[in-house]
């Protein structure tokens, strides 16, 4: 059983994928365990500073939390403890970094196979996370 399960969530469609991932993860959750929902925003411009930077960060966080809302509603309906996390950065790197910072002991990711030539050459996000972490990873197939 796992105490902290990290589930990355992207776009609106990704929220429904995360719900599906959650249904796979919940039986693996230890009593009193927690689901960590993570939305990663692309890094903002480093040219923005001061109040504009602060405003941009607040907007990114609000946007990320809106993406997590359907998953949040699902977990609440199942009475499952969860946290919402919004981070900025390169997606795969940020998933790995956050999993380690939050002491996650399982990462659950939705995958639907190679989608384009770029993924074939460079690998999918799931593959990059798997290569760069020692944390267990459950890949939920489409």
Protein backbone atom coordinates (compact mmCIF):
# COMPACT_ATOMS: atom_id res chain seq x y z
CA UNK A 1 0.00 0.00 0.00
CA UNK A 2 1.11 3.53 -0.78
CA UNK A 3 0.86 6.57 1.51
CA UNK A 4 1.22 9.31 -1.12
CA UNK A 5 0.25 8.83 -4.73
CA UNK A 6 1.12 11.59 -7.21
CA UNK A 7 -1.18 11.95 -10.23
CA UNK A 8 -0.16 14.52 -12.85
CA UNK A 9 -3.14 16.22 -14.53
CA UNK A 10 -3.06 18.11 -17.79
CA UNK A 11 -5.80 19.95 -19.76
CA UNK A 12 -9.55 19.34 -19.49
CA UNK A 13 -9.32 15.94 -21.20
CA UNK A 14 -6.44 15.14 -18.90
CA UNK A 15 -8.71 15.63 -15.90
CA UNK A 16 -10.90 12.76 -17.03
CA UNK A 17 -7.81 10.66 -17.63
CA UNK A 18 -6.67 11.51 -14.10
CA UNK A 19 -10.03 10.36 -12.75
CA UNK A 20 -9.50 7.07 -14.53
CA UNK A 21 -5.97 6.94 -13.11
CA UNK A 22 -7.40 7.69 -9.66
CA UNK A 23 -9.77 4.75 -9.87
CA UNK A 24 -6.71 2.57 -10.52
CA UNK A 25 -4.74 4.21 -7.71
CA UNK A 26 -7.32 4.35 -4.91
CA UNK A 27 -7.20 0.61 -4.15
CA UNK A 28 -3.42 1.01 -3.71
CA UNK A 29 -3.82 3.86 -1.22
CA UNK A 30 -3.00 3.01 2.38
CA UNK A 31 -5.47 3.83 5.15
CA UNK A 32 -5.06 7.57 5.78
CA UNK A 33 -3.07 7.95 2.54
CA UNK A 34 -3.29 10.91 0.23
CA UNK A 35 -3.60 11.58 -3.49
CA UNK A 36 -1.45 14.46 -4.75
CA UNK A 37 -2.92 16.05 -7.88
CA UNK A 38 -0.29 17.92 -9.86
CA UNK A 39 -0.81 20.33 -12.74
CA UNK A 40 2.34 21.64 -14.42
CA UNK A 41 2.19 24.98 -16.20
CA UNK A 42 4.79 25.79 -18.83
CA UNK A 43 7.53 28.06 -17.49
CA UNK A 44 6.67 31.75 -17.77
CA UNK A 45 8.86 34.34 -19.37
CA UNK A 46 11.92 35.16 -17.33
CA UNK A 47 11.65 38.73 -18.65
CA UNK A 48 8.61 39.43 -16.47
CA UNK A 49 9.42 40.67 -12.97
CA UNK A 50 7.91 42.39 -9.96
CA UNK A 51 4.14 42.77 -9.74
CA UNK A 52 3.63 41.42 -13.27
CA UNK A 53 5.52 38.23 -12.33
CA UNK A 54 3.44 37.86 -9.19
CA UNK A 55 0.22 38.36 -11.17
CA UNK A 56 1.35 35.83 -13.80
CA UNK A 57 2.09 33.26 -11.08
CA UNK A 58 -1.35 33.81 -9.49
CA UNK A 59 -3.04 33.41 -12.88
CA UNK A 60 -1.09 30.20 -13.56
CA UNK A 61 -2.12 28.80 -10.18
CA UNK A 62 -5.80 29.67 -10.75
CA UNK A 63 -5.66 28.13 -14.22
CA UNK A 64 -4.02 24.97 -12.86
CA UNK A 65 -6.57 24.60 -10.08
CA UNK A 66 -9.43 24.98 -12.57
CA UNK A 67 -7.91 22.07 -14.52
CA UNK A 68 -7.91 19.99 -11.34
CA UNK A 69 -11.53 20.74 -10.37
CA UNK A 70 -13.18 17.64 -11.97
CA UNK A 71 -10.66 15.34 -10.30
CA UNK A 72 -11.09 17.16 -7.00
CA UNK A 73 -14.86 16.67 -7.24
CA UNK A 74 -14.39 12.96 -7.98
CA UNK A 75 -12.07 12.40 -5.02
CA UNK A 76 -14.37 14.34 -2.68
CA UNK A 77 -17.30 12.15 -3.78
CA UNK A 78 -15.22 9.11 -2.72
CA UNK A 79 -14.08 10.74 0.56
CA UNK A 80 -10.43 10.47 -0.42
CA UNK A 81 -7.83 12.79 1.10
CA UNK A 82 -6.04 14.86 -1.55
CA UNK A 83 -3.88 17.92 -2.15
CA UNK A 84 -3.82 20.20 -5.18
CA UNK A 85 -0.39 21.18 -6.47
CA UNK A 86 0.35 23.60 -9.29
CA UNK A 87 3.95 23.99 -10.43
CA UNK A 88 5.74 25.74 -13.30
CA UNK A 89 8.43 24.00 -15.30
CA UNK A 90 9.31 21.34 -17.82
CA UNK A 91 6.62 18.71 -17.37
CA UNK A 92 8.63 15.49 -16.90
CA UNK A 93 11.29 17.17 -14.75
CA UNK A 94 8.67 18.90 -12.61
CA UNK A 95 6.76 15.65 -12.04
CA UNK A 96 9.93 13.91 -10.83
CA UNK A 97 11.02 16.87 -8.69
CA UNK A 98 7.59 17.26 -7.10
CA UNK A 99 7.28 13.52 -6.41
CA UNK A 100 10.55 13.61 -4.50
CA UNK A 101 9.79 16.88 -2.67
CA UNK A 102 6.38 15.59 -1.56
CA UNK A 103 7.73 12.14 -0.63
CA UNK A 104 5.37 10.36 -3.00
CA UNK A 105 5.82 6.61 -3.08
CA UNK A 106 3.88 6.05 -6.32
CA UNK A 107 3.35 8.10 -9.48
CA UNK A 108 0.29 7.24 -11.58
CA UNK A 109 0.32 8.46 -15.17
CA UNK A 110 -2.08 8.02 -18.04
CA UNK A 111 -0.50 7.03 -21.33
CA UNK A 112 -1.93 6.43 -24.74
CA UNK A 113 1.17 5.32 -26.60
CA UNK A 114 3.29 7.17 -29.11
CA UNK A 115 1.24 10.01 -30.62
CA UNK A 116 3.69 11.60 -33.04
CA UNK A 117 7.19 11.44 -34.46
CA UNK A 118 8.51 13.70 -31.70
CA UNK A 119 7.48 11.20 -29.03
CA UNK A 120 8.97 8.39 -31.07
CA UNK A 121 12.32 10.18 -31.21
CA UNK A 122 12.42 11.87 -27.79
CA UNK A 123 10.11 9.62 -25.76
CA UNK A 124 6.86 10.37 -24.03
CA UNK A 125 6.55 12.26 -20.77
CA UNK A 126 5.80 8.97 -19.00
CA UNK A 127 8.99 7.43 -20.40
CA UNK A 128 11.05 10.44 -19.33
CA UNK A 129 9.60 10.31 -15.81
CA UNK A 130 10.28 6.57 -15.59
CA UNK A 131 13.91 7.04 -16.69
CA UNK A 132 14.54 9.78 -14.13
CA UNK A 133 12.99 8.51 -10.92
CA UNK A 134 13.38 5.64 -8.52
CA UNK A 135 9.76 6.03 -7.37
CA UNK A 136 7.30 3.32 -8.46
CA UNK A 137 5.30 4.34 -11.54
CA UNK A 138 1.95 2.95 -12.60
CA UNK A 139 1.13 3.66 -16.23
CA UNK A 140 -2.61 3.52 -17.00
CA UNK A 141 -3.13 2.69 -20.66
CA UNK A 142 -5.83 4.32 -22.79
